[in-house]
Amino acid sequence: ASGSRPDQQRNVHKNRLLAKISRKHLMEIVIPILCNLKTVLEGSHSPLLKQLMQYLGKIFRSYKSEVQEHLANNPILLQELEYDTRQYEKNQKQKARDSILQADVVTDEAAA
């Protein structure tokens, strides 16, 4: 049992290191690419923008402080992405409410 303790600690340290490397890669490589992709998709009015905004929203919710820190040198882009994410989430909530209301109307009509 004493031999497994150092192995467990090594695995914990390895997992932490891999998580840090993955997060750094996400911030330094992936986020700038996604920001450029967002601009391209907006320019072409692509339907893929919806999925990109969902992904950006998930990244912001998961790593908000890191994203803010990484984009500190580009505050306009950071504000734009935060605003777009808030607007997207607001629209999603509204659509969910509308679909619930529509379901209620259909249910009420069926009952009548």
C-alpha atoms as a PDB file:
ATOM      1  CA  ALA A   1       0.000   0.000   0.000  1.00  0.00           C
ATOM      2  CA  SER A   2       2.913   2.370   0.685  1.00  0.00           C
ATOM      3  CA  GLY A   3       4.082   1.987  -2.935  1.00  0.00           C
ATOM      4  CA  SER A   4       0.769   3.263  -4.306  1.00  0.00           C
ATOM      5  CA  ARG A   5       0.859   6.543  -2.329  1.00  0.00           C
ATOM      6  CA  PRO A   6       3.713   8.103  -4.380  1.00  0.00           C
ATOM      7  CA  ASP A   7       2.028   6.851  -7.570  1.00  0.00           C
ATOM      8  CA  GLN A   8      -1.233   8.510  -6.546  1.00  0.00           C
ATOM      9  CA  GLN A   9       0.565  11.771  -5.780  1.00  0.00           C
ATOM     10  CA  ARG A  10       2.393  11.597  -9.099  1.00  0.00           C
ATOM     11  CA  ASN A  11      -0.905  11.075 -10.930  1.00  0.00           C
ATOM     12  CA  VAL A  12      -2.496  14.022  -9.105  1.00  0.00           C
ATOM     13  CA  HIS A  13       0.443  16.267 -10.036  1.00  0.00           C
ATOM     14  CA  LYS A  14       0.409  14.978 -13.601  1.00  0.00           C
ATOM     15  CA  ASN A  15      -3.327  15.676 -13.941  1.00  0.00           C
ATOM     16  CA  ARG A  16      -2.903  19.196 -12.528  1.00  0.00           C
ATOM     17  CA  LEU A  17      -0.052  19.912 -14.920  1.00  0.00           C
ATOM     18  CA  LEU A  18      -2.028  18.613 -17.896  1.00  0.00           C
ATOM     19  CA  ALA A  19      -5.029  20.724 -16.878  1.00  0.00           C
ATOM     20  CA  LYS A  20      -2.839  23.844 -16.671  1.00  0.00           C
ATOM     21  CA  ILE A  21      -1.285  23.113 -20.067  1.00  0.00           C
ATOM     22  CA  SER A  22      -4.719  22.535 -21.609  1.00  0.00           C
ATOM     23  CA  ARG A  23      -6.098  25.750 -20.136  1.00  0.00           C
ATOM     24  CA  LYS A  24      -3.046  27.733 -21.318  1.00  0.00           C
ATOM     25  CA  HIS A  25      -3.436  26.278 -24.829  1.00  0.00           C
ATOM     26  CA  LEU A  26      -7.131  27.165 -24.801  1.00  0.00           C
ATOM     27  CA  MET A  27      -6.390  30.760 -23.806  1.00  0.00           C
ATOM     28  CA  GLU A  28      -3.393  31.387 -26.063  1.00  0.00           C
ATOM     29  CA  ILE A  29      -4.282  29.408 -29.178  1.00  0.00           C
ATOM     30  CA  VAL A  30      -7.952  28.482 -29.295  1.00  0.00           C
ATOM     31  CA  ILE A  31      -9.595  31.703 -28.031  1.00  0.00           C
ATOM     32  CA  PRO A  32      -7.905  33.939 -30.652  1.00  0.00           C
ATOM     33  CA  ILE A  33      -8.904  31.496 -33.403  1.00  0.00           C
ATOM     34  CA  LEU A  34     -12.507  31.430 -32.146  1.00  0.00           C
ATOM     35  CA  CYS A  35     -12.560  35.244 -32.036  1.00  0.00           C
ATOM     36  CA  ASN A  36     -11.405  35.422 -35.651  1.00  0.00           C
ATOM     37  CA  LEU A  37     -13.907  32.737 -36.625  1.00  0.00           C
ATOM     38  CA  LYS A  38     -16.682  34.711 -34.926  1.00  0.00           C
ATOM     39  CA  THR A  39     -15.831  37.753 -37.065  1.00  0.00           C
ATOM     40  CA  VAL A  40     -15.843  35.670 -40.256  1.00  0.00           C
ATOM     41  CA  LEU A  41     -19.134  33.954 -39.389  1.00  0.00           C
ATOM     42  CA  GLU A  42     -20.768  37.289 -38.531  1.00  0.00           C
ATOM     43  CA  GLY A  43     -19.607  38.741 -41.838  1.00  0.00           C
ATOM     44  CA  SER A  44     -21.117  35.887 -43.804  1.00  0.00           C
ATOM     45  CA  HIS A  45     -24.264  35.640 -41.629  1.00  0.00           C
ATOM     46  CA  SER A  46     -23.504  31.968 -41.101  1.00  0.00           C
ATOM     47  CA  PRO A  47     -25.920  29.746 -39.176  1.00  0.00           C
ATOM     48  CA  LEU A  48     -22.842  28.239 -37.481  1.00  0.00           C
ATOM     49  CA  LEU A  49     -22.526  31.383 -35.381  1.00  0.00           C
ATOM     50  CA  LYS A  50     -25.138  29.935 -33.012  1.00  0.00           C
ATOM     51  CA  GLN A  51     -22.958  26.935 -32.155  1.00  0.00           C
ATOM     52  CA  LEU A  52     -19.846  29.106 -31.860  1.00  0.00           C
ATOM     53  CA  MET A  53     -21.610  31.413 -29.401  1.00  0.00           C
ATOM     54  CA  GLN A  54     -22.760  28.403 -27.387  1.00  0.00           C
ATOM     55  CA  TYR A  55     -19.163  27.215 -27.181  1.00  0.00           C
ATOM     56  CA  LEU A  56     -17.820  30.664 -26.296  1.00  0.00           C
ATOM     57  CA  GLY A  57     -20.492  30.969 -23.613  1.00  0.00           C
ATOM     58  CA  LYS A  58     -19.444  27.645 -22.141  1.00  0.00           C
ATOM     59  CA  ILE A  59     -15.795  28.711 -22.144  1.00  0.00           C
ATOM     60  CA  PHE A  60     -16.684  32.026 -20.478  1.00  0.00           C
ATOM     61  CA  ARG A  61     -18.734  30.309 -17.791  1.00  0.00           C
ATOM     62  CA  SER A  62     -15.989  27.771 -17.125  1.00  0.00           C
ATOM     63  CA  TYR A  63     -12.930  30.036 -17.328  1.00  0.00           C
ATOM     64  CA  LYS A  64     -14.246  33.580 -16.995  1.00  0.00           C
ATOM     65  CA  SER A  65     -11.301  35.013 -15.054  1.00  0.00           C
ATOM     66  CA  GLU A  66      -8.730  33.390 -17.351  1.00  0.00           C
ATOM     67  CA  VAL A  67     -10.508  34.656 -20.475  1.00  0.00           C
ATOM     68  CA  GLN A  68     -10.755  38.140 -19.008  1.00  0.00           C
ATOM     69  CA  GLU A  69      -7.087  38.059 -18.068  1.00  0.00           C
ATOM     70  CA  HIS A  70      -5.988  36.793 -21.468  1.00  0.00           C
ATOM     71  CA  LEU A  71      -8.062  39.345 -23.379  1.00  0.00           C
ATOM     72  CA  ALA A  72      -7.095  42.235 -21.069  1.00  0.00           C
ATOM     73  CA  ASN A  73      -4.874  43.646 -23.825  1.00  0.00           C
ATOM     74  CA  ASN A  74      -7.900  43.735 -26.129  1.00  0.00           C
ATOM     75  CA  PRO A  75     -10.692  45.190 -23.967  1.00  0.00           C
ATOM     76  CA  ILE A  76     -12.961  45.969 -26.909  1.00  0.00           C
ATOM     77  CA  LEU A  77     -12.962  42.351 -28.020  1.00  0.00           C
ATOM     78  CA  LEU A  78     -13.496  41.171 -24.447  1.00  0.00           C
ATOM     79  CA  GLN A  79     -16.465  43.502 -23.975  1.00  0.00           C
ATOM     80  CA  GLU A  80     -17.892  42.467 -27.321  1.00  0.00           C
ATOM     81  CA  LEU A  81     -17.622  38.770 -26.529  1.00  0.00           C
ATOM     82  CA  GLU A  82     -19.090  39.221 -23.059  1.00  0.00           C
ATOM     83  CA  TYR A  83     -21.949  41.271 -24.490  1.00  0.00           C
ATOM     84  CA  ASP A  84     -22.585  38.762 -27.281  1.00  0.00           C
ATOM     85  CA  THR A  85     -22.557  35.923 -24.775  1.00  0.00           C
ATOM     86  CA  ARG A  86     -25.039  37.722 -22.501  1.00  0.00           C
ATOM     87  CA  GLN A  87     -27.294  38.513 -25.471  1.00  0.00           C
ATOM     88  CA  TYR A  88     -27.134  34.926 -26.705  1.00  0.00           C
ATOM     89  CA  GLU A  89     -28.006  33.561 -23.263  1.00  0.00           C
ATOM     90  CA  LYS A  90     -30.833  36.086 -22.932  1.00  0.00           C
ATOM     91  CA  ASN A  91     -32.215  35.013 -26.321  1.00  0.00           C
ATOM     92  CA  GLN A  92     -31.955  31.344 -25.374  1.00  0.00           C
ATOM     93  CA  LYS A  93     -33.914  31.965 -22.155  1.00  0.00           C
ATOM     94  CA  GLN A  94     -36.564  33.883 -24.103  1.00  0.00           C
ATOM     95  CA  LYS A  95     -36.866  31.070 -26.655  1.00  0.00           C
ATOM     96  CA  ALA A  96     -37.209  28.534 -23.841  1.00  0.00           C
ATOM     97  CA  ARG A  97     -39.969  30.625 -22.227  1.00  0.00           C
ATOM     98  CA  ASP A  98     -41.712  31.045 -25.577  1.00  0.00           C
ATOM     99  CA  SER A  99     -41.633  27.305 -26.249  1.00  0.00           C
ATOM    100  CA  ILE A 100     -43.047  26.597 -22.781  1.00  0.00           C
ATOM    101  CA  LEU A 101     -45.816  29.142 -23.367  1.00  0.00           C
ATOM    102  CA  GLN A 102     -46.519  27.640 -26.791  1.00  0.00           C
ATOM    103  CA  ALA A 103     -46.696  24.158 -25.255  1.00  0.00           C
ATOM    104  CA  ASP A 104     -49.142  25.460 -22.644  1.00  0.00           C
ATOM    105  CA  VAL A 105     -51.331  27.000 -25.358  1.00  0.00           C
ATOM    106  CA  VAL A 106     -51.331  23.747 -27.379  1.00  0.00           C
ATOM    107  CA  THR A 107     -52.133  21.729 -24.222  1.00  0.00           C
ATOM    108  CA  ASP A 108     -54.958  24.110 -23.275  1.00  0.00           C
ATOM    109  CA  GLU A 109     -56.391  23.950 -26.801  1.00  0.00           C
ATOM    110  CA  ALA A 110     -56.231  20.141 -26.799  1.00  0.00           C
ATOM    111  CA  ALA A 111     -58.025  20.012 -23.448  1.00  0.00           C
ATOM    112  CA  ALA A 112     -60.833  22.256 -24.696  1.00  0.00           C
END
